[in-house]
Structures are given as C-alpha cells and as structure tokens.
N, C-alpha and C. Protein backbone atom coordinates (compact mmCIF):
# COMPACT_ATOMS: atom_id res chain seq x y z
N MET A 1 -19.16 172.70 136.54
CA MET A 1 -19.67 173.24 138.21
C MET A 1 -20.04 171.84 139.07
N ALA A 2 -19.59 170.67 138.28
CA ALA A 2 -19.79 169.56 138.83
C ALA A 2 -18.33 168.62 139.72
N ALA A 3 -17.23 169.26 138.78
CA ALA A 3 -16.11 169.03 139.73
C ALA A 3 -15.78 169.49 140.58
N ASP A 4 -15.94 171.19 140.80
CA ASP A 4 -15.96 171.84 142.41
C ASP A 4 -17.53 171.85 143.55
N ARG A 5 -18.20 171.42 143.16
CA ARG A 5 -18.94 170.11 143.86
C ARG A 5 -18.26 169.80 144.84
N PHE A 6 -17.72 168.49 143.63
CA PHE A 6 -17.14 167.01 144.00
C PHE A 6 -15.89 167.14 145.23
N ARG A 7 -15.46 168.55 144.86
CA ARG A 7 -14.23 168.28 145.26
C ARG A 7 -14.26 169.53 146.93
N GLU A 8 -15.86 170.05 146.72
CA GLU A 8 -16.35 170.66 148.14
C GLU A 8 -16.52 169.51 148.65
N ARG A 9 -17.22 168.53 148.47
CA ARG A 9 -18.26 167.54 149.25
C ARG A 9 -16.49 166.37 149.50
N ALA A 10 -15.32 165.94 149.05
CA ALA A 10 -14.43 165.59 149.03
C ALA A 10 -13.96 166.48 150.24
N ALA A 11 -13.36 167.50 150.06
CA ALA A 11 -12.84 168.29 151.61
C ALA A 11 -13.36 168.38 152.46
N ARG A 12 -14.94 168.67 152.44
CA ARG A 12 -15.69 168.29 153.93
C ARG A 12 -15.34 167.07 154.66
N MET A 13 -15.76 165.44 153.33
CA MET A 13 -15.18 164.63 153.69
C MET A 13 -14.19 163.94 155.36
N ASP A 14 -12.83 164.43 154.27
CA ASP A 14 -11.82 164.46 154.93
C ASP A 14 -11.68 164.93 155.51
N ALA A 15 -12.08 166.03 156.51
CA ALA A 15 -12.16 167.23 157.30
C ALA A 15 -12.82 166.47 158.16
N VAL A 16 -13.74 165.89 158.28
CA VAL A 16 -14.32 165.19 159.69
C VAL A 16 -13.94 163.91 160.14
N LEU A 17 -13.42 163.46 158.55
CA LEU A 17 -12.33 161.63 158.75
C LEU A 17 -11.25 161.87 160.24
N VAL A 18 -10.83 163.03 159.49
CA VAL A 18 -9.41 163.36 160.05
C VAL A 18 -9.43 163.60 161.06
N ASP A 19 -10.63 164.86 161.42
CA ASP A 19 -11.17 165.22 162.94
C ASP A 19 -11.40 163.95 164.17
N ARG A 20 -12.33 163.38 163.33
CA ARG A 20 -12.97 161.81 164.26
C ARG A 20 -12.25 161.19 164.51
N LEU A 21 -10.75 160.84 163.62
CA LEU A 21 -10.14 159.40 163.43
C LEU A 21 -8.61 159.65 163.65
N GLY A 22 -8.33 161.23 163.25
CA GLY A 22 -6.77 161.18 163.27
C GLY A 22 -5.96 161.53 164.57
N ASP A 23 -4.39 161.46 164.26
CA ASP A 23 -3.98 161.33 165.92
C ASP A 23 -3.53 162.87 165.67
N GLN A 24 -3.42 163.30 167.20
CA GLN A 24 -3.18 164.79 167.35
C GLN A 24 -2.16 165.13 167.25
N ALA A 25 -1.46 166.75 166.60
CA ALA A 25 0.13 166.83 166.85
C ALA A 25 -0.65 169.10 167.22
N THR A 26 0.94 168.82 168.46
CA THR A 26 1.15 170.24 168.84
C THR A 26 2.50 170.80 168.15
N LEU A 27 1.75 172.09 167.34
CA LEU A 27 2.81 173.06 166.53
C LEU A 27 3.00 173.81 167.82
N ALA A 28 4.33 174.86 167.44
CA ALA A 28 5.52 175.45 168.10
C ALA A 28 4.38 176.17 168.69
N ASP A 29 3.49 177.15 168.30
CA ASP A 29 2.80 177.95 168.59
C ASP A 29 1.37 177.17 169.72
N GLY A 30 1.37 176.21 170.16
CA GLY A 30 0.49 175.60 170.98
C GLY A 30 -0.64 175.52 170.48
N SER A 31 -0.65 175.85 168.72
CA SER A 31 -2.20 174.85 168.06
C SER A 31 -1.75 173.74 167.62
N THR A 32 -3.12 172.61 167.70
CA THR A 32 -3.14 171.16 166.97
C THR A 32 -3.85 171.66 166.02
N ILE A 33 -3.08 170.42 164.85
CA ILE A 33 -3.73 169.87 163.48
C ILE A 33 -3.73 167.98 164.32
N ARG A 34 -4.45 167.58 163.10
CA ARG A 34 -4.86 166.30 163.09
C ARG A 34 -4.40 165.62 162.12
N GLY A 35 -4.03 164.75 162.11
CA GLY A 35 -3.55 163.57 161.19
C GLY A 35 -2.86 162.53 161.43
N ALA A 36 -2.48 161.18 159.76
CA ALA A 36 -2.53 160.33 160.51
C ALA A 36 -0.63 159.95 160.56
N PHE A 37 -0.09 159.39 161.90
CA PHE A 37 1.43 159.21 162.29
C PHE A 37 1.84 158.10 161.57
N ALA A 38 2.38 158.06 161.07
CA ALA A 38 2.89 156.27 160.67
C ALA A 38 4.68 156.37 161.59
N SER A 39 5.05 155.54 161.60
CA SER A 39 6.75 154.89 161.85
C SER A 39 7.04 154.16 161.10
N PRO A 40 7.61 153.63 160.72
CA PRO A 40 7.93 152.14 159.94
C PRO A 40 8.51 151.41 160.73
N PHE A 41 9.59 151.69 161.47
CA PHE A 41 10.53 151.48 162.28
C PHE A 41 9.70 150.67 163.93
N LEU A 42 8.50 151.21 164.31
CA LEU A 42 8.37 151.63 165.66
C LEU A 42 8.57 150.40 166.78
N GLY A 43 9.54 150.33 167.21
CA GLY A 43 9.90 149.62 167.78
C GLY A 43 11.05 148.52 167.64
N ALA A 44 11.35 148.48 166.30
CA ALA A 44 12.82 147.38 165.59
C ALA A 44 14.02 148.53 166.56
N GLN A 45 14.33 146.86 166.43
CA GLN A 45 16.05 147.18 167.88
C GLN A 45 16.70 147.04 166.62
N ILE A 46 17.35 148.17 165.62
CA ILE A 46 18.31 147.87 164.20
C ILE A 46 19.70 147.24 164.57
N GLY A 47 20.17 146.15 164.47
CA GLY A 47 21.71 145.88 164.76
C GLY A 47 21.74 145.07 166.51
N ALA A 48 20.38 145.00 166.71
CA ALA A 48 20.26 144.16 168.13
C ALA A 48 19.74 142.86 168.21
N LYS A 49 19.03 142.49 169.27
CA LYS A 49 18.57 140.30 168.74
C LYS A 49 16.88 141.31 168.68
N ALA A 50 16.29 141.28 167.88
CA ALA A 50 15.14 141.08 168.28
C ALA A 50 13.76 140.12 167.91
N SER A 51 13.90 138.91 168.76
CA SER A 51 13.11 138.09 168.83
C SER A 51 13.79 136.93 168.13
N GLY A 52 14.82 137.36 168.70
CA GLY A 52 15.95 135.80 167.63
C GLY A 52 16.57 136.42 166.73
N TYR A 53 16.12 137.54 166.51
CA TYR A 53 16.24 138.14 164.52
C TYR A 53 17.11 139.05 164.05
N ARG A 54 17.92 139.31 164.00
CA ARG A 54 19.34 140.17 163.51
C ARG A 54 18.93 141.52 162.33
N LEU A 55 17.86 142.01 162.72
CA LEU A 55 16.99 143.30 162.13
C LEU A 55 18.17 143.90 161.27
N GLY A 56 19.40 144.65 162.14
CA GLY A 56 20.31 145.17 161.41
C GLY A 56 21.39 144.36 160.26
N ALA A 57 21.52 143.43 160.25
CA ALA A 57 21.60 142.60 159.58
C ALA A 57 21.64 142.19 157.91
N SER A 58 19.66 142.28 158.27
CA SER A 58 19.04 142.42 156.65
C SER A 58 18.44 143.31 156.46
N ILE A 59 18.73 144.35 156.57
CA ILE A 59 18.45 145.90 156.36
C ILE A 59 18.97 146.31 154.99
N ASN A 60 17.84 147.03 154.25
CA ASN A 60 18.54 147.65 153.09
C ASN A 60 18.75 149.60 153.16
N THR A 61 19.13 149.90 153.80
CA THR A 61 19.17 151.25 154.62
C THR A 61 18.84 151.90 153.48
N ASP A 62 19.17 151.94 152.32
CA ASP A 62 18.48 152.81 150.95
C ASP A 62 16.79 152.63 151.36
N GLN A 63 16.43 151.55 151.94
CA GLN A 63 14.76 151.42 151.68
C GLN A 63 13.82 152.04 153.24
N VAL A 64 14.87 152.38 154.02
CA VAL A 64 14.40 152.49 155.73
C VAL A 64 13.22 154.17 155.01
N LYS A 65 12.62 153.96 155.84
CA LYS A 65 11.41 155.39 155.50
C LYS A 65 11.34 156.49 156.79
N GLU A 66 11.35 157.27 156.61
CA GLU A 66 11.14 157.88 157.79
C GLU A 66 9.45 158.32 158.34
N PRO A 67 9.96 158.47 159.47
CA PRO A 67 8.16 158.65 159.89
C PRO A 67 7.58 159.71 159.60
N THR A 68 6.48 159.76 159.47
CA THR A 68 5.34 160.80 158.81
C THR A 68 4.23 161.16 159.36
N PHE A 69 3.72 161.73 159.43
CA PHE A 69 2.51 162.46 159.67
C PHE A 69 1.86 163.93 158.63
N THR A 70 0.74 162.34 158.00
CA THR A 70 0.04 162.87 156.97
C THR A 70 -1.75 163.95 157.40
N VAL A 71 -1.60 164.76 156.54
CA VAL A 71 -2.74 165.51 157.11
C VAL A 71 -2.75 166.71 155.69
N ARG A 72 -3.92 167.16 156.05
CA ARG A 72 -5.20 167.88 155.01
C ARG A 72 -3.72 168.92 154.05
N ALA A 73 -3.50 169.47 153.38
CA ALA A 73 -2.92 170.40 152.82
C ALA A 73 -3.44 171.54 154.01
N VAL A 74 -4.49 171.86 153.39
CA VAL A 74 -4.25 173.63 154.26
C VAL A 74 -3.70 173.16 155.56
N ASP A 75 -3.96 172.29 156.69
CA ASP A 75 -3.18 172.19 157.69
C ASP A 75 -2.14 171.81 157.31
N ALA A 76 -1.00 171.33 156.25
CA ALA A 76 0.33 171.60 156.20
C ALA A 76 0.75 173.10 156.11
N ALA A 77 0.03 173.68 155.34
CA ALA A 77 0.27 175.52 155.27
C ALA A 77 1.14 175.57 156.47
N LYS A 78 0.04 175.18 157.47
CA LYS A 78 0.15 175.94 158.40
C LYS A 78 2.20 175.29 159.19
N VAL A 79 2.60 174.66 159.26
CA VAL A 79 3.49 174.30 159.53
C VAL A 79 5.14 174.25 158.24
N PRO A 80 5.54 175.30 158.88
CA PRO A 80 7.43 176.00 157.75
C PRO A 80 7.64 174.86 158.08
N ARG A 81 8.89 173.99 156.42
CA ARG A 81 10.15 173.40 156.63
C ARG A 81 10.71 173.68 158.18
N GLY A 82 11.20 172.42 159.13
CA GLY A 82 12.49 172.64 159.97
C GLY A 82 11.36 173.32 161.09
N ALA A 83 10.34 173.45 161.58
CA ALA A 83 9.37 173.77 162.58
C ALA A 83 9.19 172.19 163.34
N PHE A 84 9.56 172.41 165.01
CA PHE A 84 8.78 171.69 165.21
C PHE A 84 7.83 171.35 165.27
N ILE A 85 7.10 169.69 165.48
CA ILE A 85 5.79 169.76 165.71
C ILE A 85 5.78 168.48 167.00
N THR A 86 5.14 168.10 167.61
CA THR A 86 4.81 167.10 168.60
C THR A 86 3.74 166.45 167.69
N ILE A 87 4.40 164.56 168.17
CA ILE A 87 3.37 163.85 168.29
C ILE A 87 2.61 164.05 169.77
N ASP A 88 0.90 164.16 169.49
CA ASP A 88 0.52 163.50 170.75
C ASP A 88 0.00 162.26 171.51
N LEU A 89 1.06 161.26 171.13
CA LEU A 89 1.32 159.95 171.02
C LEU A 89 1.84 159.31 172.42
N THR A 90 1.85 158.69 172.97
CA THR A 90 3.07 157.93 173.85
C THR A 90 4.38 157.07 173.43
N PRO A 91 5.35 157.25 173.72
CA PRO A 91 6.50 156.99 173.07
C PRO A 91 6.40 155.97 172.72
N GLU A 92 6.07 154.58 173.35
CA GLU A 92 5.86 153.47 173.39
C GLU A 92 5.12 153.63 171.29
N ASP A 93 4.30 154.09 171.66
CA ASP A 93 3.03 154.47 169.93
C ASP A 93 4.01 155.52 169.38
N GLY A 94 5.34 156.25 168.74
CA GLY A 94 5.74 157.05 168.48
C GLY A 94 5.94 158.28 168.74
N GLY A 95 5.00 158.89 169.86
CA GLY A 95 4.54 160.05 170.42
C GLY A 95 6.22 160.74 170.14
N GLY A 96 6.15 161.92 170.67
CA GLY A 96 7.42 162.94 170.83
C GLY A 96 7.62 163.69 169.69
N ARG A 97 8.44 165.03 170.03
CA ARG A 97 8.89 165.96 169.81
C ARG A 97 9.49 165.63 168.43
N TYR A 98 9.36 166.05 167.02
CA TYR A 98 10.10 165.85 166.00
C TYR A 98 10.68 167.09 165.58
N LYS A 99 11.07 166.83 163.97
CA LYS A 99 11.35 168.62 163.39
C LYS A 99 10.62 167.73 162.05
N LEU A 100 9.83 168.88 161.12
CA LEU A 100 9.98 169.31 159.88
C LEU A 100 11.11 168.96 159.18
N VAL A 101 11.37 167.80 157.66
CA VAL A 101 12.18 167.83 157.13
C VAL A 101 12.07 168.52 156.49
N ARG A 102 10.71 168.01 155.49
CA ARG A 102 9.71 168.75 154.59
C ARG A 102 8.69 167.99 154.44
N PRO A 103 7.61 168.76 153.06
CA PRO A 103 6.55 167.62 152.85
C PRO A 103 6.49 167.40 151.60
N GLU A 104 5.43 166.14 151.69
CA GLU A 104 5.73 165.79 149.79
C GLU A 104 3.78 165.61 150.10
N PRO A 105 3.46 166.27 148.82
CA PRO A 105 2.09 166.07 148.75
C PRO A 105 1.58 165.00 148.18
N ASP A 106 0.64 164.85 147.96
CA ASP A 106 0.07 163.38 147.70
C ASP A 106 -1.03 163.72 146.13
N GLY A 107 -0.71 164.58 145.44
CA GLY A 107 -1.52 166.10 144.70
C GLY A 107 -3.15 164.95 144.94
N ALA A 108 -3.47 165.27 145.61
CA ALA A 108 -4.69 164.13 146.33
C ALA A 108 -5.63 165.30 147.55
N GLY A 109 -4.76 166.39 148.21
CA GLY A 109 -5.32 167.29 149.23
C GLY A 109 -5.37 166.68 150.20
N MET A 110 -3.78 165.76 150.45
CA MET A 110 -3.65 165.31 151.76
C MET A 110 -1.47 165.30 151.37
N VAL A 111 -1.02 165.79 152.39
CA VAL A 111 0.81 165.88 152.25
C VAL A 111 1.12 165.39 153.51
N ASP A 112 2.16 164.45 153.32
CA ASP A 112 3.26 163.65 154.21
C ASP A 112 3.77 164.47 154.94
N LEU A 113 4.12 164.77 155.52
CA LEU A 113 5.04 165.48 156.45
C LEU A 113 6.25 165.17 156.84
N VAL A 114 7.38 164.59 156.24
CA VAL A 114 8.19 163.40 156.56
C VAL A 114 8.86 163.96 157.62
N LEU A 115 9.29 163.69 158.84
CA LEU A 115 9.60 163.90 159.82
C LEU A 115 11.03 163.24 160.76
N GLY A 116 11.42 164.51 161.17
CA GLY A 116 13.19 163.80 161.41
C GLY A 116 13.23 163.93 163.08
N ALA A 117 14.24 163.45 163.50
CA ALA A 117 14.90 163.43 165.14
C ALA A 117 14.81 164.83 165.34
N ASP A 118 14.48 165.33 166.44
CA ASP A 118 14.43 166.65 167.38
C ASP A 118 15.83 166.98 167.80
N ASN A 119 16.31 167.88 166.38
CA ASN A 119 17.83 168.29 167.00
C ASN A 119 17.88 169.30 166.76
N GLU A 120 17.66 169.90 167.82
CA GLU A 120 16.99 171.54 168.06
C GLU A 120 18.76 171.80 168.24
N ARG A 121 19.40 171.37 169.16
CA ARG A 121 21.31 171.78 169.67
C ARG A 121 21.50 171.77 168.90
N ALA A 122 21.82 170.17 167.70
CA ALA A 122 22.89 170.92 166.10
C ALA A 122 22.59 170.93 165.23
N ASP A 123 21.56 171.93 164.53
CA ASP A 123 20.89 173.30 164.09
C ASP A 123 21.65 174.16 163.54
N ASP A 124 22.35 174.96 164.83
CA ASP A 124 23.14 175.69 164.49
C ASP A 124 25.12 175.24 164.42
N ILE A 125 24.69 174.44 163.76
CA ILE A 125 26.39 173.83 163.33
C ILE A 125 26.24 173.31 162.15
N ARG A 126 27.45 174.41 161.76
CA ARG A 126 27.37 173.51 159.71
C ARG A 126 28.86 173.62 159.93
C-alpha cells in the first residue's frame, strides 16, 4: 500500500514539475507534450574555428550525443518511433522539427526521446 501511495504522489509531482517548468513540443497530430530538451552541441561549430578553438580537431565522434527530449513515460507512449516532433523553442535554442530515433526509458518513469535530423525526404530511400 505505501509503495502505491508513494508512486502515485511521485507521478503527480512529476506532472506538475514538467507542466510548469518543461519545454513544449508539438506532435504531428497538433497535440502538445512538455519535457526537457537538451542538445549537447548546441551552437558548436564542428570543424570550424569557434572562439579560436578548433572543436572538430579534438572531438571523439564515438562520444557525440544526440539531442533528446525527456518526457514522462505516459507522454512518451503518444510518440511512435519515426514520428516527427517539433520542439517549440527558437532556432538559437535548438528548436525545430526532429524525428524520433528511439525512446530510452530511465526506469523511473521518464523517457529520453532520442532525436535525429528532420530527414523526411530521405525516409523513402533504401
């Protein structure tokens, strides 16, 4: 009983926090979900001089992380793999249209939606 009550309260708390603090994204059907958008190399210029430092010369491509949109598991269920999702932020903050590459649940009720570039035109090329 106590574990059920804890999970219920934690789920309510997560919903309030994500709703009040989260970034908004729009799904293909026009509905919206909220979560936390992260783009690890936002603004980095790979292979070009960025503030006098050549990032491309020192980057380990095996460690490059993809952009993610972290949402509650109940919201992640609304986004099928391969669906397009628009992050409602300015382009400078990484906003724009992305494609869901894969979901990565964290085991605690949240899911990282790993995003890829919007390659709608290339989807039918095999």
